[in-house]
Amino acid sequence: MHLLRCRLRLRVALRTDPDDADLKLAEEELRGAVDAIGRERSRHDWRVDWHQGLLALARDDVVSARDHFDQVYGAIPGEYAPKLALGYCAEHLGHRAERRSGGEAALGHWHEALTFYEAVRLRNPSLGSAAFGAARTRLALGGAGARAAAIDALDAVPQHSRHRTAARTATVRIAVEHVDGTDTLEEALVRLGRLFNEHGLTDEQARVRMKAEVWEAAQRLVVAGTVDAAGLAHLSRATAARDDEARDAGGRLEFPSQGRELGTHLSGFYLMLARQAARSEDLPHADEIAERLLDRAYLVRPMALRHHRDRRPLPALLHPLLRRGV
C-alpha cells in the first residue's frame, strides 16, 4: 500500500509541479515502505530501487534514476520494465549530451538506448513503448537507412496490439517529415489511406489533423515547384483508385488534382482545426493556437475576386446596401 500510494502521489505531482507537496508525500510513502519491509531486507528488494528511480526521474535526476534502474535490471534481468526504463534514461541523456556538446557526444547514449529498446521489441513486438523508443533512437542516430528502420520498427507492431493505431499514425508522420517529391508524397498518401481504412483511425477530428499534415507537405512541394500540375493529377488519380477499393467510405482521401483546390482544402482543414483548438478545455494556450491556425487558413486560401462566407456570394451581401442607396 505504501508503494501504491507513492506511485499515485508521483502521478499527481507530475501533473502539477514536481516541487510541490505531493512529491514530498511520495518520498514519505517510500520511506514508509522501507520501514515496513525492514531496513536490511529493503536493500535487496528491487521494488525499492524501482520507486527510487521513479522519484529521481520526477526530480529530473536522470543519472541517479539510471543507477537505480540498473539495480532493478540486475535483480530481474528478464523483465521488460527495467530495460525500457534504462532505454528511456539513455535516450534522455543522449538528447542532453547533444544540446551540450553536439551529436558525437550523444551517439553512445543513443546506441545504448537502441540496444535496450530492441531487446524488448524483438521479443514482444506488441509493446508500443519499445517500438516507439526504437523508432525515436533510429531517427536520432540518423544515417541513410534511419527513416526506413524507424518505420519498420513501427510497422512491426501487430494488428492485435492496442498500440497499432498510434504506431501507424507515427509512420505517416515520419513519411511526411521526409517528403521531398512525388514518390515520397505518394508513399505518405498510401500510408494515410491505410491508417484510415485498415489500422483503426476512425475519429473524424484526428483524421482532419492527419490530412492537414499530408496536404501541408504537398503544398510545400507545389510552392517550391518540386511537384507540378501533372504530378498532382497523377497523385489524385492514384488516390481515387485506392479510395474506390477502400472498405470505409468515411476514409476516402479525395486528394485534389489542382494546386488551387489543394489550397482550398488545406485552408478548410486549418479552419476546422482552429475550431477544435478553440473548443478544447485541456489544450494549453488554446486561443493562441486557434489564432495561428486561422492565420494559416487565410495564408493558404487561394486569391479570388469573390469572397464566399457561409455559402453566400459577395453580390448577395451587397443587395441590401444597394437598396438603401449606400
Protein backbone atom coordinates (compact mmCIF):
# COMPACT_ATOMS: atom_id res chain seq x y z
CA MET A 1 0.00 0.00 0.00
CA HIS A 2 2.89 2.39 0.71
CA LEU A 3 4.37 1.70 -2.73
CA LEU A 4 0.98 2.15 -4.43
CA ARG A 5 0.43 5.47 -2.67
CA CYS A 6 3.97 6.51 -3.65
CA ARG A 7 3.15 5.98 -7.34
CA LEU A 8 -0.18 7.77 -7.03
CA ARG A 9 1.49 10.76 -5.37
CA LEU A 10 4.04 10.83 -8.17
CA ARG A 11 1.29 10.91 -10.79
CA VAL A 12 -0.37 13.86 -9.07
CA ALA A 13 2.97 15.67 -8.66
CA LEU A 14 3.89 15.27 -12.33
CA ARG A 15 0.51 16.68 -13.37
CA THR A 16 1.09 19.79 -11.28
CA ASP A 17 4.57 20.77 -10.05
CA PRO A 18 7.41 18.31 -9.22
CA ASP A 19 8.42 20.56 -6.31
CA ASP A 20 5.05 20.58 -4.61
CA ALA A 21 3.87 18.74 -1.53
CA ASP A 22 2.79 15.62 -3.45
CA LEU A 23 6.38 14.80 -4.38
CA LYS A 24 7.42 15.08 -0.75
CA LEU A 25 4.50 12.89 0.24
CA ALA A 26 5.63 10.33 -2.34
CA GLU A 27 9.06 10.28 -0.68
CA GLU A 28 7.42 9.79 2.72
CA GLU A 29 5.39 6.85 1.39
CA LEU A 30 8.55 5.24 0.04
CA ARG A 31 10.23 5.64 3.43
CA GLY A 32 7.15 4.02 4.96
CA ALA A 33 7.56 1.09 2.57
CA VAL A 34 11.23 0.71 3.53
CA ASP A 35 10.30 0.68 7.22
CA ALA A 36 7.57 -1.91 6.59
CA ILE A 37 9.90 -4.17 4.59
CA GLY A 38 12.77 -3.69 7.02
CA ARG A 39 15.92 -1.65 6.55
CA GLU A 40 18.17 -4.65 5.90
CA ARG A 41 15.77 -6.55 3.65
CA SER A 42 14.85 -3.43 1.66
CA ARG A 43 18.46 -3.20 0.40
CA HIS A 44 17.80 -6.37 -1.62
CA ASP A 45 14.22 -5.56 -2.69
CA TRP A 46 14.09 -4.41 -6.31
CA ARG A 47 10.77 -2.66 -5.72
CA VAL A 48 12.50 -0.05 -3.58
CA ASP A 49 15.09 0.68 -6.28
CA TRP A 50 12.32 0.92 -8.87
CA HIS A 51 10.42 3.55 -6.90
CA GLN A 52 13.63 5.42 -6.08
CA GLY A 53 14.27 5.54 -9.81
CA LEU A 54 10.78 6.95 -10.43
CA LEU A 55 11.36 9.60 -7.77
CA ALA A 56 14.71 10.52 -9.35
CA LEU A 57 13.03 10.92 -12.75
CA ALA A 58 10.41 13.17 -11.17
CA ARG A 59 13.27 15.38 -9.95
CA ASP A 60 14.88 15.26 -13.42
CA ASP A 61 17.90 13.44 -11.94
CA VAL A 62 18.26 11.01 -14.84
CA VAL A 63 21.75 9.80 -13.86
CA SER A 64 20.56 8.66 -10.41
CA ALA A 65 17.43 7.14 -11.96
CA ARG A 66 19.57 5.12 -14.36
CA ASP A 67 21.64 3.77 -11.45
CA HIS A 68 18.50 2.66 -9.59
CA PHE A 69 17.00 1.05 -12.71
CA ASP A 70 20.31 -0.72 -13.32
CA GLN A 71 19.97 -2.31 -9.87
CA VAL A 72 16.48 -3.48 -10.85
CA TYR A 73 17.83 -4.87 -14.12
CA GLY A 74 20.45 -6.83 -12.20
CA ALA A 75 17.79 -8.28 -9.93
CA ILE A 76 15.22 -9.19 -12.63
CA PRO A 77 17.12 -9.14 -15.95
CA GLY A 78 14.41 -10.94 -17.91
CA GLU A 79 11.68 -8.35 -17.30
CA TYR A 80 10.69 -5.71 -19.84
CA ALA A 81 10.21 -2.77 -17.46
CA PRO A 82 13.86 -2.21 -16.38
CA LYS A 83 15.05 -2.48 -19.99
CA LEU A 84 12.53 0.13 -21.11
CA ALA A 85 13.46 2.37 -18.18
CA LEU A 86 17.18 2.11 -18.98
CA GLY A 87 16.45 2.78 -22.64
CA TYR A 88 14.47 5.88 -21.71
CA CYS A 89 17.25 7.18 -19.45
CA ALA A 90 19.91 6.60 -22.12
CA GLU A 91 17.75 8.34 -24.75
CA HIS A 92 17.21 11.30 -22.44
CA LEU A 93 20.93 11.56 -21.68
CA GLY A 94 21.65 11.38 -25.41
CA HIS A 95 19.49 14.40 -26.15
CA ARG A 96 21.01 16.23 -23.19
CA ALA A 97 24.54 15.49 -24.46
CA GLU A 98 23.58 16.68 -27.96
CA ARG A 99 22.38 20.02 -26.59
CA ARG A 100 25.59 20.46 -24.61
CA SER A 101 28.34 19.07 -26.82
CA GLY A 102 26.85 18.11 -30.17
CA GLY A 103 25.76 14.89 -31.81
CA GLU A 104 29.02 12.96 -31.43
CA ALA A 105 28.83 13.02 -27.63
CA ALA A 106 25.27 11.68 -27.77
CA LEU A 107 25.88 8.68 -30.04
CA GLY A 108 26.94 6.35 -27.23
CA HIS A 109 23.79 7.06 -25.24
CA TRP A 110 21.56 6.56 -28.28
CA HIS A 111 23.23 3.27 -29.18
CA GLU A 112 22.69 2.12 -25.58
CA ALA A 113 19.04 3.18 -25.73
CA LEU A 114 18.52 1.35 -29.02
CA THR A 115 20.05 -1.82 -27.56
CA PHE A 116 17.56 -1.87 -24.68
CA TYR A 117 14.55 -0.94 -26.81
CA GLU A 118 15.35 -3.56 -29.44
CA ALA A 119 15.90 -6.23 -26.78
CA VAL A 120 12.27 -5.73 -25.77
CA ARG A 121 10.78 -5.03 -29.21
CA LEU A 122 12.24 -8.11 -30.90
CA ARG A 123 10.96 -10.31 -28.11
CA ASN A 124 7.50 -8.73 -27.93
CA PRO A 125 6.56 -6.50 -30.93
CA SER A 126 3.18 -5.71 -29.34
CA LEU A 127 4.75 -3.37 -26.78
CA GLY A 128 4.37 0.10 -28.20
CA SER A 129 6.87 1.65 -25.77
CA ALA A 130 9.70 -0.42 -27.23
CA ALA A 131 8.65 0.21 -30.85
CA PHE A 132 8.34 3.96 -30.36
CA GLY A 133 11.63 4.08 -28.45
CA ALA A 134 13.43 2.17 -31.19
CA ALA A 135 11.95 4.47 -33.85
CA ARG A 136 12.98 7.62 -31.96
CA THR A 137 16.55 6.44 -31.42
CA ARG A 138 16.89 5.28 -35.04
CA LEU A 139 15.91 8.76 -36.18
CA ALA A 140 18.20 10.38 -33.62
CA LEU A 141 21.15 8.28 -34.79
CA GLY A 142 20.43 9.30 -38.38
CA GLY A 143 22.08 7.81 -41.42
CA ALA A 144 20.89 6.63 -44.81
CA GLY A 145 18.54 3.95 -43.52
CA ALA A 146 17.27 5.74 -40.39
CA ARG A 147 13.81 6.59 -41.75
CA ALA A 148 13.20 3.11 -43.18
CA ALA A 149 14.41 1.42 -39.97
CA ALA A 150 12.18 3.63 -37.79
CA ILE A 151 9.14 2.91 -39.96
CA ASP A 152 9.94 -0.82 -39.98
CA ALA A 153 10.00 -0.85 -36.17
CA LEU A 154 6.56 0.78 -36.04
CA ASP A 155 5.15 -1.35 -38.85
CA ALA A 156 6.14 -4.45 -36.88
CA VAL A 157 3.58 -3.61 -34.17
CA PRO A 158 0.94 -6.27 -34.93
CA GLN A 159 -2.70 -5.67 -35.76
CA HIS A 160 -3.90 -7.10 -32.45
CA SER A 161 -1.80 -4.67 -30.36
CA ARG A 162 -3.60 -1.77 -28.68
CA HIS A 163 -0.70 0.41 -29.87
CA ARG A 164 -1.33 -0.42 -33.54
CA THR A 165 -3.17 2.79 -34.49
CA ALA A 166 -0.69 5.05 -32.72
CA ALA A 167 2.23 3.23 -34.37
CA ARG A 168 0.73 3.54 -37.85
CA THR A 169 -0.04 7.21 -37.21
CA ALA A 170 3.62 7.73 -36.38
CA THR A 171 4.70 6.09 -39.65
CA VAL A 172 2.59 8.62 -41.57
CA ARG A 173 4.21 11.49 -39.67
CA ILE A 174 7.70 10.13 -40.32
CA ALA A 175 6.87 9.78 -44.01
CA VAL A 176 5.55 13.36 -44.09
CA GLU A 177 8.73 14.70 -42.47
CA HIS A 178 10.78 13.19 -45.30
CA VAL A 179 8.54 14.12 -48.23
CA ASP A 180 10.74 15.58 -50.98
CA GLY A 181 9.00 14.69 -54.24
CA THR A 182 6.11 12.94 -55.94
CA ASP A 183 7.22 9.44 -54.95
CA THR A 184 7.64 10.16 -51.24
CA LEU A 185 4.39 12.16 -51.20
CA GLU A 186 2.59 9.20 -52.74
CA GLU A 187 4.07 6.93 -50.05
CA ALA A 188 2.68 9.27 -47.37
CA LEU A 189 -0.75 9.22 -49.04
CA VAL A 190 -0.73 5.42 -49.26
CA ARG A 191 0.10 5.17 -45.56
CA LEU A 192 -2.57 7.72 -44.70
CA GLY A 193 -5.20 5.72 -46.62
CA ARG A 194 -4.22 2.53 -44.83
CA LEU A 195 -4.34 4.34 -41.48
CA PHE A 196 -7.93 5.36 -42.18
CA ASN A 197 -9.18 2.08 -43.63
CA GLU A 198 -7.07 -0.69 -42.13
CA HIS A 199 -5.37 0.48 -38.96
CA GLY A 200 -8.18 1.87 -36.85
CA LEU A 201 -8.05 5.68 -37.06
CA THR A 202 -11.79 6.35 -37.06
CA ASP A 203 -12.01 9.61 -35.10
CA GLU A 204 -13.02 12.34 -37.57
CA GLN A 205 -11.09 15.11 -35.80
CA ALA A 206 -7.92 13.00 -35.79
CA ARG A 207 -8.44 12.28 -39.49
CA VAL A 208 -8.62 16.00 -40.24
CA ARG A 209 -5.39 16.59 -38.34
CA MET A 210 -3.58 13.88 -40.28
CA LYS A 211 -4.92 15.04 -43.65
CA ALA A 212 -3.81 18.58 -42.81
CA GLU A 213 -0.24 17.35 -42.20
CA VAL A 214 -0.06 15.50 -45.52
CA TRP A 215 -1.78 18.26 -47.51
CA GLU A 216 0.62 20.77 -45.92
CA ALA A 217 3.61 18.76 -47.16
CA ALA A 218 2.06 18.68 -50.64
CA GLN A 219 1.53 22.44 -50.53
CA ARG A 220 5.20 22.99 -49.68
CA LEU A 221 6.25 20.92 -52.68
CA VAL A 222 3.87 22.77 -55.00
CA VAL A 223 5.08 26.18 -53.81
CA ALA A 224 8.70 25.06 -54.21
CA GLY A 225 7.98 23.80 -57.73
CA THR A 226 9.01 20.24 -56.83
CA VAL A 227 5.58 18.86 -57.73
CA ASP A 228 3.88 20.25 -60.83
CA ALA A 229 0.30 20.05 -62.12
CA ALA A 230 0.95 16.69 -63.78
CA GLY A 231 2.30 15.28 -60.52
CA LEU A 232 -0.77 16.46 -58.59
CA ALA A 233 -3.07 14.95 -61.22
CA HIS A 234 -1.22 11.62 -61.02
CA LEU A 235 -1.47 11.57 -57.21
CA SER A 236 -5.17 12.45 -57.37
CA ARG A 237 -5.90 9.61 -59.81
CA ALA A 238 -3.90 7.09 -57.77
CA THR A 239 -5.64 8.17 -54.56
CA ALA A 240 -9.06 7.95 -56.20
CA ALA A 241 -8.34 4.38 -57.33
CA ARG A 242 -7.41 3.38 -53.79
CA ASP A 243 -10.45 5.22 -52.42
CA ASP A 244 -12.69 3.10 -54.62
CA GLU A 245 -11.19 -0.05 -53.10
CA ALA A 246 -11.45 1.18 -49.51
CA ARG A 247 -13.87 -0.57 -47.20
CA ASP A 248 -14.67 2.57 -45.20
CA ALA A 249 -16.38 5.31 -47.17
CA GLY A 250 -15.50 7.79 -44.40
CA GLY A 251 -11.83 7.11 -45.00
CA ARG A 252 -11.74 8.47 -48.56
CA LEU A 253 -8.81 10.84 -49.01
CA GLU A 254 -10.06 12.68 -52.13
CA PHE A 255 -6.67 14.22 -52.80
CA PRO A 256 -7.04 17.31 -55.04
CA SER A 257 -5.82 17.34 -58.61
CA GLN A 258 -5.00 21.06 -58.86
CA GLY A 259 -2.92 23.45 -56.80
CA ARG A 260 -5.82 25.85 -56.25
CA GLU A 261 -8.02 23.02 -54.98
CA LEU A 262 -5.18 21.88 -52.71
CA GLY A 263 -5.02 25.34 -51.12
CA THR A 264 -8.79 25.41 -50.66
CA HIS A 265 -8.79 22.01 -48.96
CA LEU A 266 -5.88 22.92 -46.70
CA SER A 267 -7.50 26.22 -45.71
CA GLY A 268 -10.65 24.32 -44.75
CA PHE A 269 -8.66 21.86 -42.66
CA TYR A 270 -6.98 24.72 -40.78
CA LEU A 271 -10.36 26.31 -40.07
CA MET A 272 -11.67 23.01 -38.66
CA LEU A 273 -8.54 22.62 -36.53
CA ALA A 274 -8.91 26.19 -35.26
CA ARG A 275 -12.46 25.38 -34.12
CA GLN A 276 -11.19 22.20 -32.43
CA ALA A 277 -8.49 24.16 -30.58
CA ALA A 278 -10.91 26.90 -29.51
CA ARG A 279 -13.30 24.33 -28.02
CA SER A 280 -10.59 22.34 -26.23
CA GLU A 281 -10.55 22.74 -22.46
CA ASP A 282 -7.38 20.70 -21.91
CA LEU A 283 -5.16 22.32 -24.56
CA PRO A 284 -2.69 24.87 -23.13
CA HIS A 285 -2.77 28.25 -24.91
CA ALA A 286 -5.81 27.13 -26.92
CA ASP A 287 -6.74 30.66 -28.02
CA GLU A 288 -3.23 31.37 -29.30
CA ILE A 289 -3.13 28.09 -31.23
CA ALA A 290 -6.56 28.75 -32.74
CA GLU A 291 -5.43 32.21 -33.87
CA ARG A 292 -2.31 30.80 -35.53
CA LEU A 293 -4.39 28.19 -37.34
CA LEU A 294 -6.73 30.91 -38.60
CA ASP A 295 -3.72 32.84 -39.89
CA ARG A 296 -2.57 29.74 -41.75
CA ALA A 297 -6.04 29.21 -43.19
CA TYR A 298 -6.10 32.71 -44.65
CA LEU A 299 -2.49 32.44 -45.82
CA VAL A 300 -3.01 29.31 -47.96
CA ARG A 301 -6.52 30.14 -49.20
CA PRO A 302 -6.37 30.93 -52.92
CA MET A 303 -6.98 34.51 -54.04
CA ALA A 304 -10.44 35.15 -55.50
CA LEU A 305 -12.48 38.05 -56.86
CA ARG A 306 -15.44 36.99 -54.75
CA HIS A 307 -15.35 36.07 -51.09
CA HIS A 308 -17.70 33.24 -50.07
CA ARG A 309 -18.77 33.18 -46.47
CA ASP A 310 -21.45 30.78 -45.29
CA ARG A 311 -22.00 29.95 -48.98
CA ARG A 312 -23.31 33.46 -49.77
CA PRO A 313 -21.56 35.20 -52.68
CA LEU A 314 -20.47 38.80 -52.39
CA PRO A 315 -23.22 40.31 -54.62
CA ALA A 316 -25.90 38.80 -52.36
CA LEU A 317 -24.35 40.66 -49.42
CA LEU A 318 -24.41 43.95 -51.38
CA HIS A 319 -28.10 43.83 -52.31
CA PRO A 320 -29.41 45.27 -49.01
CA LEU A 321 -26.86 48.11 -49.19
CA LEU A 322 -27.81 48.94 -52.77
CA ARG A 323 -31.50 49.04 -51.89
CA ARG A 324 -30.74 51.55 -49.12
CA GLY A 325 -28.74 53.66 -51.55
CA VAL A 326 -25.43 53.19 -49.76
